[in-house]
Amino acid sequence: RIESASASVESTMALVNVTNVIVLDNPTVFTNPFQFEVEFECLGELEDDLEWKVTYVGSAEDLDADQVLEEVCVGPVPVGISKFVLQADAPDPARISQQDLVGVTVVLIT
């Protein structure tokens, strides 16, 4: 906790830091699953498993075009450095507009 004469601010640190993500099977065809090697550091004991989600952003203008490709829980997580492979099915091209089907996009790992 940080306090000053004018304000009191509570400071917290993350217990988990992602240290590296490697895209595996890259390059590949659009219909192949996404594969990521995720390395992270756990700085303290966690009460719960870690939840990971892979989201394909189908359009910058339409949130409804986003596709959640995978949701997994990893745990229990020991203190220290851990690594795992996160695999997700390819996005459904039928849910992507024609103008967004080819071009720049984003895959979020949260």
N, C-alpha and C. Protein backbone atom coordinates (compact mmCIF):
# COMPACT_ATOMS: atom_id res chain seq x y z
N ARG A 1 0.85 -1.18 0.00
CA ARG A 1 0.00 0.00 0.00
C ARG A 1 0.89 1.23 0.00
N ILE A 2 0.59 2.17 -0.90
CA ILE A 2 1.35 3.41 -1.01
C ILE A 2 0.47 4.54 -0.51
N GLU A 3 0.96 5.30 0.44
CA GLU A 3 0.17 6.40 0.98
C GLU A 3 0.94 7.71 0.86
N SER A 4 0.22 8.76 0.60
CA SER A 4 0.80 10.09 0.58
C SER A 4 -0.16 11.03 1.29
N ALA A 5 0.24 12.28 1.45
CA ALA A 5 -0.63 13.24 2.12
C ALA A 5 -1.92 13.47 1.37
N SER A 6 -1.88 13.31 0.03
CA SER A 6 -3.07 13.64 -0.75
C SER A 6 -3.89 12.42 -1.18
N ALA A 7 -3.28 11.22 -1.22
CA ALA A 7 -4.03 10.08 -1.72
C ALA A 7 -3.44 8.78 -1.20
N SER A 8 -4.26 7.77 -1.22
CA SER A 8 -3.84 6.43 -0.85
C SER A 8 -4.09 5.52 -2.06
N VAL A 9 -3.05 4.83 -2.52
CA VAL A 9 -3.16 3.98 -3.70
C VAL A 9 -2.74 2.58 -3.32
N GLU A 10 -3.55 1.60 -3.65
CA GLU A 10 -3.20 0.21 -3.39
C GLU A 10 -2.48 -0.35 -4.61
N SER A 11 -1.35 -0.98 -4.39
CA SER A 11 -0.55 -1.52 -5.47
C SER A 11 -0.53 -3.04 -5.38
N THR A 12 -0.80 -3.71 -6.49
CA THR A 12 -0.74 -5.17 -6.51
C THR A 12 0.10 -5.61 -7.69
N MET A 13 0.75 -6.75 -7.52
CA MET A 13 1.55 -7.34 -8.59
C MET A 13 0.87 -8.59 -9.08
N ALA A 14 1.07 -8.90 -10.34
CA ALA A 14 0.54 -10.13 -10.89
C ALA A 14 1.33 -11.31 -10.33
N LEU A 15 0.64 -12.39 -10.03
CA LEU A 15 1.32 -13.60 -9.58
C LEU A 15 1.78 -14.47 -10.74
N VAL A 16 1.26 -14.18 -11.94
CA VAL A 16 1.63 -14.96 -13.12
C VAL A 16 2.07 -14.00 -14.22
N ASN A 17 3.24 -14.26 -14.78
CA ASN A 17 3.77 -13.47 -15.89
C ASN A 17 4.03 -14.41 -17.06
N VAL A 18 3.45 -14.10 -18.21
CA VAL A 18 3.75 -14.86 -19.42
C VAL A 18 5.13 -14.41 -19.88
N THR A 19 6.06 -15.36 -20.03
CA THR A 19 7.43 -15.02 -20.38
C THR A 19 7.75 -15.28 -21.85
N ASN A 20 6.98 -16.17 -22.51
CA ASN A 20 7.25 -16.46 -23.92
C ASN A 20 6.07 -17.21 -24.53
N VAL A 21 5.79 -16.90 -25.79
CA VAL A 21 4.80 -17.65 -26.57
C VAL A 21 5.43 -17.91 -27.94
N ILE A 22 5.46 -19.19 -28.33
CA ILE A 22 6.00 -19.58 -29.63
C ILE A 22 4.86 -20.15 -30.45
N VAL A 23 4.69 -19.65 -31.66
CA VAL A 23 3.69 -20.19 -32.58
C VAL A 23 4.30 -21.42 -33.25
N LEU A 24 3.71 -22.57 -33.01
CA LEU A 24 4.20 -23.82 -33.60
C LEU A 24 3.52 -24.06 -34.94
N ASP A 25 4.08 -24.94 -35.74
CA ASP A 25 3.52 -25.30 -37.05
C ASP A 25 3.24 -24.04 -37.87
N ASN A 26 4.25 -23.19 -37.96
CA ASN A 26 4.10 -21.91 -38.63
C ASN A 26 5.17 -21.77 -39.72
N PRO A 27 4.81 -21.54 -40.96
CA PRO A 27 3.45 -21.30 -41.48
C PRO A 27 2.69 -22.61 -41.66
N THR A 28 1.39 -22.47 -41.81
CA THR A 28 0.51 -23.62 -42.00
C THR A 28 -0.70 -23.20 -42.82
N VAL A 29 -1.57 -24.13 -43.13
CA VAL A 29 -2.79 -23.78 -43.86
C VAL A 29 -3.85 -23.29 -42.88
N PHE A 30 -4.79 -22.51 -43.38
CA PHE A 30 -5.80 -21.85 -42.55
C PHE A 30 -6.64 -22.84 -41.74
N THR A 31 -6.88 -24.03 -42.28
CA THR A 31 -7.78 -24.98 -41.63
C THR A 31 -7.09 -25.85 -40.58
N ASN A 32 -5.77 -25.75 -40.44
CA ASN A 32 -5.07 -26.51 -39.40
C ASN A 32 -5.28 -25.87 -38.04
N PRO A 33 -5.20 -26.67 -36.97
CA PRO A 33 -5.32 -26.09 -35.63
C PRO A 33 -4.19 -25.12 -35.33
N PHE A 34 -4.48 -24.14 -34.48
CA PHE A 34 -3.45 -23.26 -33.96
C PHE A 34 -2.74 -24.00 -32.83
N GLN A 35 -1.42 -23.84 -32.75
CA GLN A 35 -0.65 -24.44 -31.67
C GLN A 35 0.33 -23.40 -31.12
N PHE A 36 0.31 -23.22 -29.82
CA PHE A 36 1.18 -22.25 -29.16
C PHE A 36 1.89 -22.93 -27.99
N GLU A 37 3.20 -22.73 -27.91
CA GLU A 37 3.93 -23.15 -26.72
C GLU A 37 3.97 -21.94 -25.79
N VAL A 38 3.33 -22.06 -24.64
CA VAL A 38 3.20 -20.95 -23.70
C VAL A 38 4.10 -21.23 -22.49
N GLU A 39 4.96 -20.27 -22.19
CA GLU A 39 5.81 -20.38 -21.01
C GLU A 39 5.44 -19.24 -20.07
N PHE A 40 5.29 -19.56 -18.79
CA PHE A 40 4.91 -18.54 -17.83
C PHE A 40 5.60 -18.80 -16.49
N GLU A 41 5.66 -17.75 -15.70
CA GLU A 41 6.27 -17.83 -14.38
C GLU A 41 5.21 -17.54 -13.33
N CYS A 42 5.12 -18.41 -12.36
CA CYS A 42 4.20 -18.22 -11.24
C CYS A 42 5.02 -17.78 -10.03
N LEU A 43 4.71 -16.60 -9.49
CA LEU A 43 5.50 -16.00 -8.42
C LEU A 43 5.00 -16.34 -7.02
N GLY A 44 3.83 -16.96 -6.93
CA GLY A 44 3.27 -17.31 -5.62
C GLY A 44 2.22 -18.39 -5.79
N GLU A 45 1.79 -18.94 -4.67
CA GLU A 45 0.79 -20.00 -4.71
C GLU A 45 -0.54 -19.45 -5.21
N LEU A 46 -1.21 -20.22 -6.07
CA LEU A 46 -2.51 -19.84 -6.61
C LEU A 46 -3.60 -20.68 -5.96
N GLU A 47 -4.72 -20.06 -5.68
CA GLU A 47 -5.85 -20.79 -5.10
C GLU A 47 -6.56 -21.63 -6.14
N ASP A 48 -6.57 -21.17 -7.39
CA ASP A 48 -7.32 -21.83 -8.45
C ASP A 48 -6.42 -22.16 -9.63
N ASP A 49 -6.95 -22.98 -10.54
CA ASP A 49 -6.25 -23.25 -11.80
C ASP A 49 -6.22 -21.98 -12.64
N LEU A 50 -5.30 -21.93 -13.60
CA LEU A 50 -5.26 -20.82 -14.55
C LEU A 50 -6.19 -21.13 -15.71
N GLU A 51 -6.99 -20.15 -16.10
CA GLU A 51 -7.88 -20.29 -17.25
C GLU A 51 -7.25 -19.60 -18.45
N TRP A 52 -7.17 -20.32 -19.57
CA TRP A 52 -6.60 -19.78 -20.81
C TRP A 52 -7.67 -19.83 -21.88
N LYS A 53 -7.68 -18.79 -22.73
CA LYS A 53 -8.66 -18.73 -23.81
C LYS A 53 -7.97 -18.25 -25.08
N VAL A 54 -8.31 -18.88 -26.21
CA VAL A 54 -7.81 -18.47 -27.52
C VAL A 54 -8.99 -17.90 -28.29
N THR A 55 -8.88 -16.64 -28.71
CA THR A 55 -9.95 -15.96 -29.44
C THR A 55 -9.43 -15.49 -30.79
N TYR A 56 -10.16 -15.82 -31.85
CA TYR A 56 -9.86 -15.34 -33.20
C TYR A 56 -10.71 -14.11 -33.44
N VAL A 57 -10.07 -12.97 -33.76
CA VAL A 57 -10.80 -11.73 -34.03
C VAL A 57 -11.14 -11.74 -35.52
N GLY A 58 -12.42 -11.94 -35.82
CA GLY A 58 -12.86 -12.07 -37.20
C GLY A 58 -13.04 -10.76 -37.92
N SER A 59 -13.21 -9.67 -37.16
CA SER A 59 -13.41 -8.36 -37.77
C SER A 59 -13.08 -7.28 -36.74
N ALA A 60 -12.40 -6.24 -37.19
CA ALA A 60 -12.07 -5.13 -36.30
C ALA A 60 -13.31 -4.30 -35.97
N GLU A 61 -14.33 -4.37 -36.81
CA GLU A 61 -15.53 -3.55 -36.62
C GLU A 61 -16.70 -4.28 -35.97
N ASP A 62 -16.63 -5.61 -35.82
CA ASP A 62 -17.79 -6.37 -35.36
C ASP A 62 -17.37 -7.40 -34.31
N LEU A 63 -17.68 -7.12 -33.05
CA LEU A 63 -17.33 -8.06 -31.97
C LEU A 63 -18.03 -9.40 -32.12
N ASP A 64 -19.18 -9.43 -32.78
CA ASP A 64 -19.89 -10.69 -32.98
C ASP A 64 -19.14 -11.64 -33.91
N ALA A 65 -18.16 -11.14 -34.64
CA ALA A 65 -17.36 -11.97 -35.53
C ALA A 65 -16.23 -12.70 -34.79
N ASP A 66 -15.99 -12.33 -33.53
CA ASP A 66 -14.96 -13.01 -32.75
C ASP A 66 -15.38 -14.45 -32.50
N GLN A 67 -14.40 -15.35 -32.55
CA GLN A 67 -14.66 -16.77 -32.30
C GLN A 67 -13.76 -17.26 -31.17
N VAL A 68 -14.35 -17.77 -30.10
CA VAL A 68 -13.57 -18.40 -29.04
C VAL A 68 -13.24 -19.80 -29.54
N LEU A 69 -11.95 -20.05 -29.76
CA LEU A 69 -11.51 -21.30 -30.35
C LEU A 69 -11.20 -22.37 -29.30
N GLU A 70 -10.82 -21.95 -28.11
CA GLU A 70 -10.49 -22.91 -27.05
C GLU A 70 -10.52 -22.22 -25.70
N GLU A 71 -10.97 -22.96 -24.69
CA GLU A 71 -10.92 -22.52 -23.30
C GLU A 71 -10.46 -23.71 -22.48
N VAL A 72 -9.37 -23.55 -21.74
CA VAL A 72 -8.84 -24.64 -20.93
C VAL A 72 -8.41 -24.12 -19.57
N CYS A 73 -8.39 -25.02 -18.59
CA CYS A 73 -7.85 -24.72 -17.28
C CYS A 73 -6.57 -25.53 -17.10
N VAL A 74 -5.55 -24.90 -16.55
CA VAL A 74 -4.28 -25.55 -16.29
C VAL A 74 -4.01 -25.46 -14.79
N GLY A 75 -3.75 -26.58 -14.17
CA GLY A 75 -3.46 -26.55 -12.76
C GLY A 75 -3.46 -27.94 -12.16
N PRO A 76 -3.04 -28.07 -10.93
CA PRO A 76 -2.50 -26.97 -10.12
C PRO A 76 -1.17 -26.48 -10.68
N VAL A 77 -0.91 -25.20 -10.48
CA VAL A 77 0.29 -24.57 -11.02
C VAL A 77 1.30 -24.38 -9.89
N PRO A 78 2.49 -24.99 -10.02
CA PRO A 78 3.51 -24.81 -8.98
C PRO A 78 4.19 -23.45 -9.11
N VAL A 79 4.78 -22.98 -8.04
CA VAL A 79 5.58 -21.76 -8.08
C VAL A 79 6.81 -22.05 -8.94
N GLY A 80 7.14 -21.13 -9.84
CA GLY A 80 8.28 -21.30 -10.72
C GLY A 80 7.87 -21.17 -12.17
N ILE A 81 8.71 -21.66 -13.06
CA ILE A 81 8.47 -21.55 -14.50
C ILE A 81 7.80 -22.82 -15.01
N SER A 82 6.74 -22.65 -15.79
CA SER A 82 6.00 -23.77 -16.39
C SER A 82 5.83 -23.52 -17.87
N LYS A 83 5.57 -24.60 -18.60
CA LYS A 83 5.40 -24.52 -20.04
C LYS A 83 4.38 -25.57 -20.46
N PHE A 84 3.53 -25.22 -21.45
CA PHE A 84 2.59 -26.18 -22.00
C PHE A 84 2.26 -25.79 -23.44
N VAL A 85 1.69 -26.73 -24.19
CA VAL A 85 1.26 -26.45 -25.55
C VAL A 85 -0.25 -26.26 -25.54
N LEU A 86 -0.68 -25.12 -26.04
CA LEU A 86 -2.09 -24.77 -26.13
C LEU A 86 -2.51 -24.94 -27.59
N GLN A 87 -3.47 -25.83 -27.82
CA GLN A 87 -3.93 -26.09 -29.19
C GLN A 87 -5.40 -25.72 -29.30
N ALA A 88 -5.75 -25.10 -30.42
CA ALA A 88 -7.13 -24.67 -30.66
C ALA A 88 -7.51 -24.98 -32.10
N ASP A 89 -8.76 -25.37 -32.30
CA ASP A 89 -9.25 -25.61 -33.65
C ASP A 89 -9.16 -24.33 -34.46
N ALA A 90 -9.08 -24.49 -35.77
CA ALA A 90 -9.07 -23.34 -36.68
C ALA A 90 -10.42 -22.63 -36.61
N PRO A 91 -10.45 -21.34 -36.93
CA PRO A 91 -11.73 -20.63 -36.96
C PRO A 91 -12.62 -21.14 -38.08
N ASP A 92 -13.91 -20.92 -37.92
CA ASP A 92 -14.89 -21.30 -38.93
C ASP A 92 -14.96 -20.20 -39.98
N PRO A 93 -14.47 -20.46 -41.20
CA PRO A 93 -14.47 -19.40 -42.22
C PRO A 93 -15.87 -18.92 -42.59
N ALA A 94 -16.89 -19.73 -42.37
CA ALA A 94 -18.27 -19.33 -42.67
C ALA A 94 -18.73 -18.18 -41.77
N ARG A 95 -18.07 -18.01 -40.62
CA ARG A 95 -18.44 -16.93 -39.69
C ARG A 95 -17.63 -15.66 -39.90
N ILE A 96 -16.78 -15.65 -40.93
CA ILE A 96 -15.95 -14.48 -41.23
C ILE A 96 -16.46 -13.84 -42.50
N SER A 97 -16.67 -12.51 -42.47
CA SER A 97 -17.19 -11.82 -43.66
C SER A 97 -16.18 -11.94 -44.81
N GLN A 98 -16.69 -11.84 -46.01
CA GLN A 98 -15.84 -11.98 -47.20
C GLN A 98 -14.70 -10.97 -47.22
N GLN A 99 -14.98 -9.72 -46.80
CA GLN A 99 -13.93 -8.69 -46.83
C GLN A 99 -12.87 -8.92 -45.75
N ASP A 100 -13.19 -9.67 -44.68
CA ASP A 100 -12.24 -9.94 -43.61
C ASP A 100 -11.58 -11.31 -43.71
N LEU A 101 -12.00 -12.10 -44.68
CA LEU A 101 -11.48 -13.46 -44.79
C LEU A 101 -10.00 -13.51 -45.13
N VAL A 102 -9.54 -12.59 -45.95
CA VAL A 102 -8.12 -12.50 -46.30
C VAL A 102 -7.60 -11.15 -45.82
N GLY A 103 -6.52 -11.18 -45.09
CA GLY A 103 -5.95 -9.93 -44.60
C GLY A 103 -5.41 -10.10 -43.19
N VAL A 104 -5.12 -8.98 -42.57
CA VAL A 104 -4.54 -8.98 -41.23
C VAL A 104 -5.61 -9.30 -40.21
N THR A 105 -5.27 -10.11 -39.22
CA THR A 105 -6.19 -10.42 -38.13
C THR A 105 -5.41 -10.59 -36.83
N VAL A 106 -6.11 -10.93 -35.78
CA VAL A 106 -5.50 -11.09 -34.47
C VAL A 106 -6.01 -12.38 -33.85
N VAL A 107 -5.09 -13.10 -33.19
CA VAL A 107 -5.46 -14.23 -32.34
C VAL A 107 -5.02 -13.84 -30.94
N LEU A 108 -5.98 -13.77 -30.02
CA LEU A 108 -5.69 -13.37 -28.64
C LEU A 108 -5.57 -14.61 -27.75
N ILE A 109 -4.55 -14.62 -26.92
CA ILE A 109 -4.41 -15.64 -25.88
C ILE A 109 -4.54 -14.90 -24.56
N THR A 110 -5.59 -15.25 -23.81
CA THR A 110 -5.83 -14.58 -22.52
C THR A 110 -5.93 -15.61 -21.42
